[in-house]
Structures are given as structure tokens and as C-alpha cells.
Protein backbone atom coordinates (compact mmCIF):
# COMPACT_ATOMS: atom_id res chain seq x y z
CA MET A 1 95.49 183.16 106.63
CA THR A 2 97.48 179.97 106.80
CA ARG A 3 98.51 178.10 103.70
CA ARG A 4 97.73 174.49 103.44
CA ILE A 5 100.81 172.36 103.02
CA SER A 6 100.45 169.46 100.62
CA LYS A 7 102.57 166.36 100.43
CA GLY A 8 103.17 166.87 96.69
CA CYS A 9 105.08 164.05 95.02
CA GLN A 10 106.46 162.48 98.14
CA ARG A 11 107.24 158.81 98.25
CA VAL A 12 104.50 156.76 99.91
CA ASP A 13 105.28 153.47 101.60
CA MET A 14 103.50 150.49 100.06
CA VAL A 15 101.54 148.97 102.92
CA LYS A 16 98.22 147.16 103.00
CA ILE A 17 95.38 149.65 103.46
CA LYS A 18 93.20 148.36 106.24
CA ASN A 19 90.21 150.68 105.81
CA ALA A 20 87.98 149.18 103.09
CA ARG A 21 86.66 152.57 101.95
CA ASN A 22 90.15 154.02 101.54
CA LEU A 23 91.22 150.85 99.75
CA GLY A 24 88.34 151.20 97.26
CA VAL A 25 89.10 154.87 96.60
CA THR A 26 92.77 154.14 96.03
CA PHE A 27 91.97 151.25 93.72
CA SER A 28 89.52 153.33 91.66
CA LYS A 29 92.21 155.97 91.14
CA ARG A 30 94.75 153.38 89.99
CA ARG A 31 92.59 150.84 88.13
CA VAL A 32 93.67 152.04 84.66
CA VAL A 33 96.91 150.07 85.12
CA PHE A 34 95.14 147.07 86.64
CA SER A 35 94.59 143.82 84.78
CA PHE A 36 93.80 140.43 86.20
CA GLY A 37 93.66 137.06 84.61
CA TYR A 38 94.26 133.51 85.63
CA PRO A 39 96.98 132.33 85.05
CA SER A 40 97.86 135.63 83.31
CA VAL A 41 96.24 138.12 80.96
CA ASP A 42 98.65 137.32 78.13
CA THR A 43 97.87 133.60 78.37
CA LEU A 44 94.13 134.30 78.23
CA VAL A 45 94.52 136.57 75.20
CA ASP A 46 96.66 133.96 73.44
CA ARG A 47 94.08 131.25 74.15
CA PHE A 48 91.24 133.47 72.94
CA LEU A 49 93.07 134.32 69.72
CA GLY A 50 94.23 130.74 69.27
CA ARG A 51 97.94 131.49 69.37
CA ASN A 52 100.56 129.37 71.12
CA LEU A 53 98.05 127.17 72.89
CA PRO A 54 99.56 125.22 75.75
CA PRO A 55 98.90 121.49 75.71
CA PRO A 56 95.78 120.70 77.74
CA ASN A 57 96.40 119.21 81.16
CA ASN A 58 94.14 117.71 83.76
CA ASP A 59 93.47 121.05 85.40
CA VAL A 60 89.69 121.59 85.60
CA HIS A 61 89.93 125.18 84.40
CA ASN A 62 91.94 124.31 81.30
CA GLN A 63 89.62 121.38 80.58
CA GLN A 64 86.61 123.70 80.69
CA ILE A 65 88.29 126.04 78.23
CA VAL A 66 89.07 123.15 75.86
CA ASP A 67 85.49 121.84 76.14
CA LEU A 68 84.07 125.28 75.48
CA ARG A 69 86.30 125.70 72.43
CA LYS A 70 85.24 122.28 71.09
CA ALA A 71 81.56 123.14 71.61
CA SER A 72 82.01 126.45 69.81
CA ILE A 73 83.73 124.75 66.89
CA CYS A 74 81.01 122.10 66.73
CA GLU A 75 78.30 124.78 66.75
CA LEU A 76 80.04 126.74 63.99
CA ASN A 77 80.43 123.58 61.90
CA THR A 78 76.71 122.85 62.29
CA LYS A 79 75.82 126.38 61.19
CA LEU A 80 78.18 126.06 58.22
CA MET A 81 76.61 122.78 57.13
CA ASN A 82 73.11 124.28 57.44
CA LEU A 83 74.12 127.28 55.34
CA GLU A 84 75.70 125.01 52.73
CA GLY A 85 72.45 123.03 52.59
CA VAL A 86 70.42 126.21 52.11
CA LEU A 87 72.85 127.37 49.43
CA GLN A 88 72.53 124.08 47.56
CA MET A 89 68.74 124.24 47.84
CA GLU A 90 68.71 127.75 46.38
CA LYS A 91 71.03 126.66 43.56
CA ASN A 92 68.66 123.79 42.76
CA ARG A 93 65.73 126.18 42.86
CA GLY A 94 67.43 128.57 40.44
CA GLU A 95 68.32 125.71 38.11
CA SER A 96 64.72 124.51 38.22
CA LEU A 97 63.47 127.98 37.31
CA ARG A 98 65.97 128.22 34.43
CA GLU A 99 64.80 124.82 33.19
CA ILE A 100 61.15 125.88 33.28
CA ARG A 101 61.86 129.10 31.42
CA LYS A 102 64.00 127.35 28.81
CA ARG A 103 61.40 124.64 28.23
CA ALA A 104 58.55 127.15 27.84
CA ASP A 105 60.50 129.55 25.60
CA GLY A 106 60.06 132.49 27.95
CA VAL A 107 56.39 131.84 28.78
CA TRP A 108 56.91 129.33 31.57
CA TRP A 109 53.41 129.86 32.94
CA GLU A 110 51.96 128.32 29.79
CA SER A 111 53.80 125.01 30.21
CA PRO A 112 51.58 121.97 30.97
CA MET A 113 50.74 121.66 34.68
CA GLU A 114 51.34 117.91 34.64
CA GLU A 115 55.04 118.45 33.84
CA LEU A 116 55.66 120.78 36.80
CA ASN A 117 57.07 119.47 40.07
CA LEU A 118 55.89 120.58 43.52
CA PHE A 119 58.37 123.46 43.79
CA GLN A 120 57.46 124.72 40.34
CA LEU A 121 53.75 124.56 41.15
CA GLN A 122 54.29 126.49 44.38
CA HIS A 123 56.29 129.11 42.49
CA LEU A 124 53.55 129.37 39.86
CA LYS A 125 50.89 129.77 42.57
CA LYS A 126 52.85 132.57 44.28
CA ALA A 127 53.45 134.34 40.94
CA LEU A 128 49.76 134.14 40.06
CA GLU A 129 48.74 135.52 43.47
CA ILE A 130 51.10 138.47 43.00
CA LEU A 131 49.79 139.03 39.48
CA LYS A 132 46.19 138.94 40.77
CA LYS A 133 46.94 141.60 43.39
CA LYS A 134 48.57 143.83 40.78
CA VAL A 135 45.62 143.44 38.39
CA GLU A 136 43.12 144.23 41.17
CA LYS A 137 45.10 147.30 42.18
CA GLU A 138 45.33 148.50 38.56
CA ALA A 139 41.62 147.88 37.98
CA GLN A 140 40.76 149.86 41.10
CA MET A 141 42.91 152.78 39.91
CA VAL A 142 41.32 152.70 36.45
CA ASN A 143 37.80 152.66 37.94
CA ASN A 144 38.58 155.59 40.23
CA ASN A 145 40.16 157.65 37.45
CA ALA A 146 37.57 156.84 34.73
CA PHE A 147 34.50 157.86 36.73
CA PRO A 148 35.64 160.32 39.40
CA PHE A 149 32.19 161.88 39.56
CA LEU A 150 30.38 158.71 40.60
CA GLY A 151 29.16 158.89 44.11
CA SER A 152 28.87 162.68 44.02
CA ALA A 153 25.76 164.79 43.60
CA TRP A 154 26.51 165.38 39.91
CA THR A 155 23.67 164.99 37.43
CA PRO A 156 23.96 165.20 33.66
CA PRO A 157 22.92 168.58 32.18
CA ASN A 158 19.95 167.14 30.20
CA CYS A 159 18.40 165.61 33.32
CA ALA A 160 17.89 168.81 35.31
CA SER A 161 14.54 168.84 37.02
């Protein structure tokens, strides 16, 4: 039996691999040390993180990056303004509820309807709808528990035929 002789850790000349399949196999074995970026990976990372930004030039690629960054900032500012508007609206809503409760001494639902604004009326309507559902549910439970024999074949003992 003949032993197979391996090349081991021999030095391999760095030449362009012409066979596309061999080139792909070699690349897949060595890709863990591969990184590509234009103009370099470090520059791209610095731009992404916003560190040491080079001054923009007339290069189309750099201009696209600057435009994209400006669009992202504009979009974030718009979202921030929308959230601030929602926050202010909720603060106003809370203040309105506090005012209603203070004016009605804890029984805000008894305050005159003419004095309520649109938001307060909508809140009152929603609260009354929730209260109605709870009352209906409670009434249903009471009816089911009070007369569990209704609907069955039960007859009172004095009415036996």
C-alpha cells in the first residue's frame, strides 16, 4: 500500500487562478479575512457612525451618501415632531380630565352636559358604553346564578301530576 504524500504547509505562489470553479472554492475557504468597501471599509464605518466625516465633494457616490443622510435626518425630525404633537395632545387630554374631575368633585359624570367640550363628551360616551357592557354582563351572571333550574324539566313539589 502506498502512502499519499501531501504538500503540507508548503509555500504556494500567489498567481491568478484561471479556473472559475477553483477560484470560487479558494475564495470560500479564505473569505473570513475578506472585506470590501469603497473607498475602504474603515471610511464606510466612520461615515455610518458619523465620525470624522470627510468634507463632501462633487463625487456622485459621496453626494448620494450625503443626500441619504439628509433624508434620514429629515425623516427622523418629522417623526420627532409628530411624537411631540401626540405627547402634547395627551397632556392636554389629561389636564382636561383633571379639570372635569375637579369641577365635579369626583363625580364628573354628573356635571352639566352643556359645559363639556367635544373631547369630554366623547370620553363620557366611551365610559358609559363600557359601564353598560359591565352592567349587562353582571345582570346576565346574576340571572344565571339566581335561577339555575329555569329551562330544565324541574317542577315544584306541590305541582306533581
